[in-house]
Amino acid sequence: MPTYLAFLRAINLGAKRKFPKDAIRGACESAGFTDVETYINTGNVRVTSSLRSRAKVEAALEAAFLDAAGFEVPTIAFTQADFAQIGKDAEELTARRELARHYVLLLKEPAADAAGIEALSTDENHAVVRGRACHLLLGPSYEAGGVDPLRVEKLVGVATNRNYNVVTTLAKKWC
């Protein structure tokens, strides 16, 4: 049976969107997923399923999370091979430059205008789209513009953000 890595969007923000990792694990198991493991309390979960398509896995997880949490939880899933590549890309992109931060936007669907997103790059801050991931490579003054000084989050569609450490740790641990 295939294993998927799923990333939940917009949980544990404020008082009304609490969804702790034990509840996430329980929702996954109640929906029939096996080999469930979570990583930190930011909505990272590994599951094994007899479902053979990413779309079906995402739909089943989203239904289970709505039932368990009482609110919609957009979920972005990857096969182990796909996520391993995102981890490799993150390492490669970071090795080329000195960065203050490296965030990875994990995309539900491929970006419609990857070239346009990458064109927003500046001398110090870069957006690099690879598959269903948009890497934000941020230089030392990124704080002046917030987490996303290039404002690409508005252009990529449904996505969730993880930092370099989480992405590379999970790629090594779960792939």
C-alpha atoms as a PDB file:
ATOM      1  CA  MET A   1       0.000   0.000   0.000  1.00  0.00           C
ATOM      2  CA  PRO A   2       1.303   3.476  -0.816  1.00  0.00           C
ATOM      3  CA  THR A   3       2.434   5.926   1.818  1.00  0.00           C
ATOM      4  CA  TYR A   4       1.635   9.633   1.601  1.00  0.00           C
ATOM      5  CA  LEU A   5       2.856  12.704   3.405  1.00  0.00           C
ATOM      6  CA  ALA A   6       0.064  15.178   4.081  1.00  0.00           C
ATOM      7  CA  PHE A   7       0.330  18.784   5.173  1.00  0.00           C
ATOM      8  CA  LEU A   8      -2.590  20.559   6.783  1.00  0.00           C
ATOM      9  CA  ARG A   9      -3.195  24.229   6.098  1.00  0.00           C
ATOM     10  CA  ALA A  10      -4.217  26.846   8.651  1.00  0.00           C
ATOM     11  CA  ILE A  11      -4.496  24.824  11.840  1.00  0.00           C
ATOM     12  CA  ASN A  12      -3.512  25.788  15.376  1.00  0.00           C
ATOM     13  CA  LEU A  13      -3.947  29.450  14.534  1.00  0.00           C
ATOM     14  CA  GLY A  14      -5.921  31.294  17.160  1.00  0.00           C
ATOM     15  CA  ALA A  15      -8.505  29.856  19.506  1.00  0.00           C
ATOM     16  CA  LYS A  16     -10.948  28.546  16.894  1.00  0.00           C
ATOM     17  CA  ARG A  17      -8.685  26.438  14.673  1.00  0.00           C
ATOM     18  CA  LYS A  18      -7.059  24.157  17.241  1.00  0.00           C
ATOM     19  CA  PHE A  19      -6.346  20.682  15.933  1.00  0.00           C
ATOM     20  CA  PRO A  20      -3.632  18.945  17.981  1.00  0.00           C
ATOM     21  CA  LYS A  21      -1.535  16.170  16.528  1.00  0.00           C
ATOM     22  CA  ASP A  22      -3.197  13.464  18.647  1.00  0.00           C
ATOM     23  CA  ALA A  23      -6.580  14.475  17.200  1.00  0.00           C
ATOM     24  CA  ILE A  24      -5.088  14.486  13.685  1.00  0.00           C
ATOM     25  CA  ARG A  25      -3.727  10.985  14.227  1.00  0.00           C
ATOM     26  CA  GLY A  26      -7.098   9.797  15.559  1.00  0.00           C
ATOM     27  CA  ALA A  27      -8.983  11.292  12.609  1.00  0.00           C
ATOM     28  CA  CYS A  28      -6.638   9.561  10.161  1.00  0.00           C
ATOM     29  CA  GLU A  29      -7.000   6.198  11.874  1.00  0.00           C
ATOM     30  CA  SER A  30     -10.803   6.561  12.086  1.00  0.00           C
ATOM     31  CA  ALA A  31     -10.860   7.156   8.327  1.00  0.00           C
ATOM     32  CA  GLY A  32      -9.024   3.873   7.719  1.00  0.00           C
ATOM     33  CA  PHE A  33      -5.481   5.145   7.235  1.00  0.00           C
ATOM     34  CA  THR A  34      -2.708   3.071   8.794  1.00  0.00           C
ATOM     35  CA  ASP A  35       0.909   3.586   9.817  1.00  0.00           C
ATOM     36  CA  VAL A  36      -0.092   7.097  10.943  1.00  0.00           C
ATOM     37  CA  GLU A  37       2.635   9.315  12.315  1.00  0.00           C
ATOM     38  CA  THR A  38       2.658  13.049  13.019  1.00  0.00           C
ATOM     39  CA  TYR A  39       5.571  15.438  13.311  1.00  0.00           C
ATOM     40  CA  ILE A  40       5.389  18.503  15.547  1.00  0.00           C
ATOM     41  CA  ASN A  41       2.090  20.280  16.053  1.00  0.00           C
ATOM     42  CA  THR A  42       1.907  22.147  12.741  1.00  0.00           C
ATOM     43  CA  GLY A  43      -0.067  19.667  10.665  1.00  0.00           C
ATOM     44  CA  ASN A  44       2.426  17.189   9.239  1.00  0.00           C
ATOM     45  CA  VAL A  45       1.217  13.605   8.961  1.00  0.00           C
ATOM     46  CA  ARG A  46       2.349  10.409   7.252  1.00  0.00           C
ATOM     47  CA  VAL A  47      -0.281   7.826   6.349  1.00  0.00           C
ATOM     48  CA  THR A  48      -0.534   4.548   4.470  1.00  0.00           C
ATOM     49  CA  SER A  49      -3.660   3.888   2.453  1.00  0.00           C
ATOM     50  CA  SER A  50      -5.155   1.535  -0.086  1.00  0.00           C
ATOM     51  CA  LEU A  51      -6.243   4.651  -2.006  1.00  0.00           C
ATOM     52  CA  ARG A  52      -4.151   4.994  -5.138  1.00  0.00           C
ATOM     53  CA  SER A  53      -4.532   8.656  -6.054  1.00  0.00           C
ATOM     54  CA  ARG A  54      -3.385  11.779  -4.324  1.00  0.00           C
ATOM     55  CA  ALA A  55      -6.747  13.447  -4.947  1.00  0.00           C
ATOM     56  CA  LYS A  56      -8.624  10.605  -3.227  1.00  0.00           C
ATOM     57  CA  VAL A  57      -6.222  10.674  -0.265  1.00  0.00           C
ATOM     58  CA  GLU A  58      -6.647  14.436   0.098  1.00  0.00           C
ATOM     59  CA  ALA A  59     -10.448  14.190  -0.127  1.00  0.00           C
ATOM     60  CA  ALA A  60     -10.612  11.379   2.452  1.00  0.00           C
ATOM     61  CA  LEU A  61      -8.322  13.240   4.840  1.00  0.00           C
ATOM     62  CA  GLU A  62     -10.212  16.516   4.428  1.00  0.00           C
ATOM     63  CA  ALA A  63     -13.525  14.765   5.178  1.00  0.00           C
ATOM     64  CA  ALA A  64     -12.025  13.088   8.260  1.00  0.00           C
ATOM     65  CA  PHE A  65     -10.528  16.357   9.481  1.00  0.00           C
ATOM     66  CA  LEU A  66     -13.799  18.255   8.998  1.00  0.00           C
ATOM     67  CA  ASP A  67     -15.593  15.594  11.005  1.00  0.00           C
ATOM     68  CA  ALA A  68     -12.994  15.552  13.798  1.00  0.00           C
ATOM     69  CA  ALA A  69     -12.113  19.250  14.029  1.00  0.00           C
ATOM     70  CA  GLY A  70     -15.438  20.818  13.070  1.00  0.00           C
ATOM     71  CA  PHE A  71     -13.886  23.083  10.440  1.00  0.00           C
ATOM     72  CA  GLU A  72     -12.460  22.640   6.950  1.00  0.00           C
ATOM     73  CA  VAL A  73      -8.775  21.743   6.807  1.00  0.00           C
ATOM     74  CA  PRO A  74      -7.273  22.059   3.321  1.00  0.00           C
ATOM     75  CA  THR A  75      -4.786  19.208   2.955  1.00  0.00           C
ATOM     76  CA  ILE A  76      -1.915  18.865   0.512  1.00  0.00           C
ATOM     77  CA  ALA A  77      -0.595  15.320   0.007  1.00  0.00           C
ATOM     78  CA  PHE A  78       2.524  13.981  -1.682  1.00  0.00           C
ATOM     79  CA  THR A  79       3.847  10.525  -2.428  1.00  0.00           C
ATOM     80  CA  GLN A  80       7.076   9.678  -0.656  1.00  0.00           C
ATOM     81  CA  ALA A  81       9.006   9.972  -3.930  1.00  0.00           C
ATOM     82  CA  ASP A  82       7.521  13.387  -4.718  1.00  0.00           C
ATOM     83  CA  PHE A  83       8.306  14.723  -1.264  1.00  0.00           C
ATOM     84  CA  ALA A  84      11.816  13.264  -1.298  1.00  0.00           C
ATOM     85  CA  GLN A  85      12.417  15.347  -4.434  1.00  0.00           C
ATOM     86  CA  ILE A  86      11.151  18.489  -2.684  1.00  0.00           C
ATOM     87  CA  GLY A  87      13.654  17.805   0.115  1.00  0.00           C
ATOM     88  CA  LYS A  88      16.485  17.332  -2.401  1.00  0.00           C
ATOM     89  CA  ASP A  89      15.490  20.533  -4.209  1.00  0.00           C
ATOM     90  CA  ALA A  90      15.488  22.416  -0.900  1.00  0.00           C
ATOM     91  CA  GLU A  91      18.994  21.227  -0.082  1.00  0.00           C
ATOM     92  CA  GLU A  92      20.277  22.043  -3.561  1.00  0.00           C
ATOM     93  CA  LEU A  93      18.763  25.527  -3.602  1.00  0.00           C
ATOM     94  CA  THR A  94      20.060  26.399  -0.139  1.00  0.00           C
ATOM     95  CA  ALA A  95      23.576  25.175  -0.922  1.00  0.00           C
ATOM     96  CA  ARG A  96      23.932  27.754  -3.698  1.00  0.00           C
ATOM     97  CA  ARG A  97      23.472  30.909  -1.626  1.00  0.00           C
ATOM     98  CA  GLU A  98      23.615  32.427   1.817  1.00  0.00           C
ATOM     99  CA  LEU A  99      20.086  32.785   3.133  1.00  0.00           C
ATOM    100  CA  ALA A 100      18.380  34.241   6.147  1.00  0.00           C
ATOM    101  CA  ARG A 101      15.372  31.951   5.613  1.00  0.00           C
ATOM    102  CA  HIS A 102      14.146  29.287   3.229  1.00  0.00           C
ATOM    103  CA  TYR A 103      10.413  28.630   3.202  1.00  0.00           C
ATOM    104  CA  VAL A 104       8.687  26.075   1.002  1.00  0.00           C
ATOM    105  CA  LEU A 105       5.114  26.610  -0.125  1.00  0.00           C
ATOM    106  CA  LEU A 106       3.612  23.162  -0.667  1.00  0.00           C
ATOM    107  CA  LEU A 107       1.034  23.504  -3.436  1.00  0.00           C
ATOM    108  CA  LYS A 108      -2.231  21.638  -3.839  1.00  0.00           C
ATOM    109  CA  GLU A 109      -1.918  21.993  -7.625  1.00  0.00           C
ATOM    110  CA  PRO A 110       0.987  23.099  -9.821  1.00  0.00           C
ATOM    111  CA  ALA A 111       1.309  26.871 -10.066  1.00  0.00           C
ATOM    112  CA  ALA A 112      -0.490  28.186 -13.134  1.00  0.00           C
ATOM    113  CA  ASP A 113       2.198  30.801 -13.813  1.00  0.00           C
ATOM    114  CA  ALA A 114       5.495  29.442 -12.501  1.00  0.00           C
ATOM    115  CA  ALA A 115       7.539  31.715 -14.765  1.00  0.00           C
ATOM    116  CA  GLY A 116       5.588  34.749 -13.599  1.00  0.00           C
ATOM    117  CA  ILE A 117       6.141  33.807  -9.973  1.00  0.00           C
ATOM    118  CA  GLU A 118       9.858  33.337 -10.509  1.00  0.00           C
ATOM    119  CA  ALA A 119      10.001  36.695 -12.319  1.00  0.00           C
ATOM    120  CA  LEU A 120       9.116  38.375  -9.005  1.00  0.00           C
ATOM    121  CA  SER A 121      12.575  37.469  -7.695  1.00  0.00           C
ATOM    122  CA  THR A 122      14.917  40.267  -6.690  1.00  0.00           C
ATOM    123  CA  ASP A 123      18.672  40.374  -6.172  1.00  0.00           C
ATOM    124  CA  GLU A 124      18.207  39.285  -2.547  1.00  0.00           C
ATOM    125  CA  ASN A 125      14.951  37.292  -2.486  1.00  0.00           C
ATOM    126  CA  HIS A 126      14.138  34.514  -4.905  1.00  0.00           C
ATOM    127  CA  ALA A 127      11.097  32.416  -5.722  1.00  0.00           C
ATOM    128  CA  VAL A 128      11.832  29.089  -7.397  1.00  0.00           C
ATOM    129  CA  VAL A 129       8.966  26.856  -8.502  1.00  0.00           C
ATOM    130  CA  ARG A 130       9.621  23.154  -8.888  1.00  0.00           C
ATOM    131  CA  GLY A 131       6.626  20.919  -9.392  1.00  0.00           C
ATOM    132  CA  ARG A 132       4.144  21.458  -6.559  1.00  0.00           C
ATOM    133  CA  ALA A 133       6.604  23.413  -4.418  1.00  0.00           C
ATOM    134  CA  CYS A 134       7.568  27.062  -4.448  1.00  0.00           C
ATOM    135  CA  HIS A 135      10.812  27.753  -2.615  1.00  0.00           C
ATOM    136  CA  LEU A 136      11.147  31.214  -1.099  1.00  0.00           C
ATOM    137  CA  LEU A 137      14.865  31.893  -0.737  1.00  0.00           C
ATOM    138  CA  LEU A 138      15.115  34.973   1.439  1.00  0.00           C
ATOM    139  CA  GLY A 139      18.127  37.175   2.019  1.00  0.00           C
ATOM    140  CA  PRO A 140      19.122  39.029   5.180  1.00  0.00           C
ATOM    141  CA  SER A 141      16.627  41.891   4.862  1.00  0.00           C
ATOM    142  CA  TYR A 142      13.563  39.698   4.308  1.00  0.00           C
ATOM    143  CA  GLU A 143      12.096  40.862   7.634  1.00  0.00           C
ATOM    144  CA  ALA A 144      11.259  44.219   6.089  1.00  0.00           C
ATOM    145  CA  GLY A 145       8.744  42.495   3.837  1.00  0.00           C
ATOM    146  CA  GLY A 146       7.488  39.810   6.217  1.00  0.00           C
ATOM    147  CA  VAL A 147       7.606  36.086   5.541  1.00  0.00           C
ATOM    148  CA  ASP A 148       6.804  36.500   1.861  1.00  0.00           C
ATOM    149  CA  PRO A 149       8.402  39.722   0.582  1.00  0.00           C
ATOM    150  CA  LEU A 150       7.672  38.673  -2.997  1.00  0.00           C
ATOM    151  CA  ARG A 151       3.937  38.162  -2.272  1.00  0.00           C
ATOM    152  CA  VAL A 152       3.841  34.905  -4.213  1.00  0.00           C
ATOM    153  CA  GLU A 153       1.478  33.220  -1.749  1.00  0.00           C
ATOM    154  CA  LYS A 154      -1.421  35.011  -3.457  1.00  0.00           C
ATOM    155  CA  LEU A 155      -0.372  33.581  -6.818  1.00  0.00           C
ATOM    156  CA  VAL A 156       0.131  29.891  -6.089  1.00  0.00           C
ATOM    157  CA  GLY A 157      -3.411  28.841  -5.134  1.00  0.00           C
ATOM    158  CA  VAL A 158      -4.093  26.578  -2.152  1.00  0.00           C
ATOM    159  CA  ALA A 159      -0.813  26.017  -0.349  1.00  0.00           C
ATOM    160  CA  THR A 160       0.736  25.621   3.059  1.00  0.00           C
ATOM    161  CA  ASN A 161       4.093  26.875   4.208  1.00  0.00           C
ATOM    162  CA  ARG A 162       6.889  24.935   5.921  1.00  0.00           C
ATOM    163  CA  ASN A 163      10.428  25.995   6.647  1.00  0.00           C
ATOM    164  CA  TYR A 164      13.573  24.381   5.282  1.00  0.00           C
ATOM    165  CA  ASN A 165      14.252  22.436   8.489  1.00  0.00           C
ATOM    166  CA  VAL A 166      10.817  20.805   8.564  1.00  0.00           C
ATOM    167  CA  VAL A 167      10.920  19.932   4.857  1.00  0.00           C
ATOM    168  CA  THR A 168      14.387  18.404   4.900  1.00  0.00           C
ATOM    169  CA  THR A 169      13.813  16.608   8.215  1.00  0.00           C
ATOM    170  CA  LEU A 170      10.603  14.994   6.956  1.00  0.00           C
ATOM    171  CA  ALA A 171      12.147  14.080   3.607  1.00  0.00           C
ATOM    172  CA  LYS A 172      14.863  12.183   5.473  1.00  0.00           C
ATOM    173  CA  LYS A 173      12.610  10.728   8.160  1.00  0.00           C
ATOM    174  CA  TRP A 174       9.593   9.667   6.099  1.00  0.00           C
ATOM    175  CA  CYS A 175      10.858   9.109   2.548  1.00  0.00           C
END
